[in-house]
Amino acid sequence: MIDRLRMVPLFGHLPEADLERLCRGVEEINLSKGATLFTEGEQAETAFVIASGEIEITKASDQHDVLIAVRKTNEVIGEMALLQSLPRTATARARTDATLLRIPKARIDELLETSISAVRAMFSVILDRWRGTEASATSAACAPGPGGSPRPWVSGGRRTARTSCEGPTCSSRRESPRRLRSGPGRLA
């Protein structure tokens, strides 16, 4: 088990004693393709390391789920809700048959309370995910709408139209004089 955890970037640089402590209470589970690991809104009691397979992370939006990410072997999932003791912010489902290591919240808490290396590694993972989400959101926002026209978007209570996009971020925006009236999708 220690050798497997050593391959996970979040745990790879931890001292042997920290890895041994983390392994106490870790359980291996198997998921079939399509099985739900956890659901958005449920209370978080465990984090998971993907030992094999792929897990898709989705978020509910209106009447459908939006694919946020696909996590693969040696990635950790479910740790975000543990850090703040909040409900899960997304749903995790097996994209393929998968084997995971279930790590109880108590082990994560103990590790973070006693190991500065673990705190730094966790911070790095969270920061990388935030940057990835930011880049994805920017790319989606810059994508042309139907027929190649710029997509309108809402910012600061105003509807705006893009005039051009360069690289990973939109370089210029033209403000529209129309303001949003209270109520969904109504313009003043």
Protein backbone atom coordinates (compact mmCIF):
# COMPACT_ATOMS: atom_id res chain seq x y z
CA MET A 1 0.00 0.00 0.00
CA ILE A 2 2.83 2.42 0.84
CA ASP A 3 4.45 1.85 -2.56
CA ARG A 4 1.14 2.65 -4.28
CA LEU A 5 0.67 5.87 -2.28
CA ARG A 6 4.26 6.89 -3.02
CA MET A 7 3.29 7.10 -6.73
CA VAL A 8 0.58 9.68 -5.96
CA PRO A 9 1.91 13.25 -6.36
CA LEU A 10 0.05 14.40 -3.25
CA PHE A 11 1.77 11.79 -1.07
CA GLY A 12 4.96 11.00 -3.01
CA HIS A 13 7.31 13.23 -1.02
CA LEU A 14 6.02 12.35 2.44
CA PRO A 15 8.36 10.73 4.95
CA GLU A 16 7.93 6.99 5.55
CA ALA A 17 6.34 7.56 8.97
CA ASP A 18 3.64 9.81 7.44
CA LEU A 19 2.88 7.23 4.75
CA GLU A 20 2.60 4.46 7.35
CA ARG A 21 0.19 6.57 9.41
CA LEU A 22 -1.86 7.36 6.31
CA CYS A 23 -2.14 3.67 5.39
CA ARG A 24 -3.92 2.83 8.65
CA GLY A 25 -7.59 2.51 7.78
CA VAL A 26 -7.12 2.73 4.00
CA GLU A 27 -9.43 0.35 2.17
CA GLU A 28 -9.37 -0.78 -1.48
CA ILE A 29 -12.70 -0.62 -3.33
CA ASN A 30 -13.75 -1.56 -6.85
CA LEU A 31 -16.26 0.29 -9.01
CA SER A 32 -17.89 -0.91 -12.21
CA LYS A 33 -18.16 1.42 -15.18
CA GLY A 34 -21.04 3.85 -14.57
CA ALA A 35 -21.18 3.34 -10.78
CA THR A 36 -21.41 6.48 -8.64
CA LEU A 37 -18.66 6.97 -6.07
CA PHE A 38 -20.20 10.03 -4.39
CA THR A 39 -22.92 12.55 -5.18
CA GLU A 40 -22.92 16.33 -5.12
CA GLY A 41 -24.39 17.57 -1.85
CA GLU A 42 -23.66 14.52 0.30
CA GLN A 43 -21.49 14.79 3.39
CA ALA A 44 -17.81 13.96 2.83
CA GLU A 45 -16.17 11.39 5.08
CA THR A 46 -13.45 10.03 2.76
CA ALA A 47 -11.02 10.96 0.03
CA PHE A 48 -9.97 8.54 -2.70
CA VAL A 49 -6.84 7.68 -4.64
CA ILE A 50 -7.47 6.23 -8.08
CA ALA A 51 -5.37 3.07 -8.27
CA SER A 52 -6.62 2.21 -11.77
CA GLY A 53 -9.31 3.38 -14.15
CA GLU A 54 -10.93 6.75 -14.74
CA ILE A 55 -13.43 8.75 -12.70
CA GLU A 56 -15.46 11.58 -14.20
CA ILE A 57 -16.33 14.57 -12.07
CA THR A 58 -19.62 16.28 -12.92
CA LYS A 59 -21.59 19.19 -11.54
CA ALA A 60 -25.37 19.62 -11.79
CA SER A 61 -26.45 22.55 -13.94
CA ASP A 62 -30.13 23.16 -14.72
CA GLN A 63 -31.45 19.88 -16.16
CA HIS A 64 -28.14 18.21 -17.01
CA ASP A 65 -24.72 17.36 -15.61
CA VAL A 66 -21.65 19.25 -16.79
CA LEU A 67 -18.38 17.31 -17.07
CA ILE A 68 -15.80 19.17 -14.99
CA ALA A 69 -12.84 16.78 -15.20
CA VAL A 70 -11.73 13.22 -15.79
CA ARG A 71 -9.36 12.00 -13.10
CA LYS A 72 -7.00 9.10 -13.74
CA THR A 73 -4.61 6.70 -12.04
CA ASN A 74 -2.66 8.15 -9.08
CA GLU A 75 -4.90 11.19 -8.70
CA VAL A 76 -6.69 12.06 -5.48
CA ILE A 77 -10.40 12.95 -5.54
CA GLY A 78 -12.86 14.01 -2.88
CA GLU A 79 -10.29 15.76 -0.72
CA MET A 80 -11.70 19.27 -1.22
CA ALA A 81 -14.87 18.69 0.81
CA LEU A 82 -12.83 17.09 3.61
CA LEU A 83 -10.67 20.16 4.08
CA GLN A 84 -13.62 22.43 4.83
CA SER A 85 -16.01 19.83 6.27
CA LEU A 86 -18.55 20.79 3.61
CA PRO A 87 -20.85 18.67 1.44
CA ARG A 88 -19.45 17.34 -1.84
CA THR A 89 -19.37 20.02 -4.53
CA ALA A 90 -19.56 17.56 -7.42
CA THR A 91 -20.50 14.00 -8.33
CA ALA A 92 -17.86 11.33 -9.08
CA ARG A 93 -18.75 8.40 -11.35
CA ALA A 94 -16.64 5.58 -12.79
CA ARG A 95 -15.95 6.26 -16.46
CA THR A 96 -14.30 2.83 -16.68
CA ASP A 97 -14.00 -0.05 -14.25
CA ALA A 98 -11.89 1.40 -11.45
CA THR A 99 -10.02 0.46 -8.30
CA LEU A 100 -9.67 3.12 -5.61
CA LEU A 101 -8.13 3.52 -2.19
CA ARG A 102 -10.59 4.97 0.32
CA ILE A 103 -8.85 7.21 2.87
CA PRO A 104 -10.88 8.19 5.95
CA LYS A 105 -11.16 11.85 6.93
CA ALA A 106 -9.49 11.06 10.27
CA ARG A 107 -6.30 9.92 8.47
CA ILE A 108 -6.21 13.05 6.27
CA ASP A 109 -6.83 15.31 9.28
CA GLU A 110 -4.10 13.60 11.31
CA LEU A 111 -1.66 13.87 8.41
CA LEU A 112 -2.35 17.58 7.85
CA GLU A 113 -2.04 18.33 11.58
CA THR A 114 1.37 16.66 11.88
CA SER A 115 3.12 17.08 8.52
CA ILE A 116 4.08 20.37 6.91
CA SER A 117 5.07 18.38 3.79
CA ALA A 118 1.50 17.11 3.50
CA VAL A 119 0.07 20.61 3.94
CA ARG A 120 2.32 21.96 1.18
CA ALA A 121 1.46 19.08 -1.15
CA MET A 122 -2.29 19.53 -0.54
CA PHE A 123 -2.00 23.27 -1.14
CA SER A 124 -0.16 22.61 -4.40
CA VAL A 125 -2.86 20.18 -5.62
CA ILE A 126 -5.64 22.62 -4.76
CA LEU A 127 -3.85 25.50 -6.47
CA ASP A 128 -3.23 23.40 -9.61
CA ARG A 129 -6.92 22.43 -9.74
CA TRP A 130 -7.99 26.04 -9.29
CA ARG A 131 -5.69 27.10 -12.14
CA GLY A 132 -7.07 24.29 -14.32
CA THR A 133 -10.65 25.31 -13.57
CA GLU A 134 -9.84 28.96 -14.25
CA ALA A 135 -8.23 28.08 -17.60
CA SER A 136 -11.20 25.88 -18.57
CA ALA A 137 -13.70 28.59 -17.67
CA THR A 138 -11.76 31.19 -19.65
CA SER A 139 -11.49 28.91 -22.69
CA ALA A 140 -15.21 28.14 -22.58
CA ALA A 141 -16.05 31.82 -22.22
CA CYS A 142 -13.92 32.71 -25.25
CA ALA A 143 -15.41 30.00 -27.45
CA PRO A 144 -17.46 31.44 -30.31
CA GLY A 145 -21.22 31.12 -30.17
CA PRO A 146 -23.46 29.73 -32.90
CA GLY A 147 -22.34 30.83 -36.34
CA GLY A 148 -18.97 32.00 -35.02
CA SER A 149 -20.32 35.15 -33.37
CA PRO A 150 -19.01 36.24 -29.98
CA ARG A 151 -20.97 34.85 -27.02
CA PRO A 152 -22.65 37.42 -24.80
CA TRP A 153 -21.84 37.09 -21.14
CA VAL A 154 -22.81 38.73 -17.88
CA SER A 155 -20.28 40.52 -15.72
CA GLY A 156 -20.89 42.92 -12.89
CA GLY A 157 -24.60 43.03 -13.71
CA ARG A 158 -24.03 44.10 -17.32
CA ARG A 159 -24.43 42.12 -20.52
CA THR A 160 -21.27 42.40 -22.62
CA ALA A 161 -20.22 41.22 -26.05
CA ARG A 162 -16.72 40.05 -26.92
CA THR A 163 -14.97 41.64 -29.82
CA SER A 164 -11.95 39.33 -29.91
CA CYS A 165 -10.13 36.60 -28.01
CA GLU A 166 -6.43 35.91 -28.01
CA GLY A 167 -4.65 33.07 -26.27
CA PRO A 168 -6.11 31.64 -23.08
CA THR A 169 -7.98 34.83 -22.12
CA CYS A 170 -10.23 37.28 -23.90
CA SER A 171 -8.21 40.38 -24.67
CA SER A 172 -10.97 42.92 -25.21
CA ARG A 173 -14.61 43.33 -24.40
CA ARG A 174 -17.13 45.91 -25.49
CA GLU A 175 -19.65 46.95 -22.83
CA SER A 176 -23.29 46.95 -23.86
CA PRO A 177 -25.46 49.73 -22.43
CA ARG A 178 -28.22 47.21 -21.54
CA ARG A 179 -28.44 46.27 -17.87
CA LEU A 180 -29.96 43.13 -16.47
CA ARG A 181 -33.30 43.61 -14.72
CA SER A 182 -34.00 41.44 -11.71
CA GLY A 183 -35.31 38.07 -12.78
CA PRO A 184 -33.70 35.38 -14.87
CA GLY A 185 -32.72 36.30 -18.42
CA ARG A 186 -34.56 39.65 -18.64
CA LEU A 187 -32.88 42.72 -20.02
CA ALA A 188 -33.71 46.28 -19.05
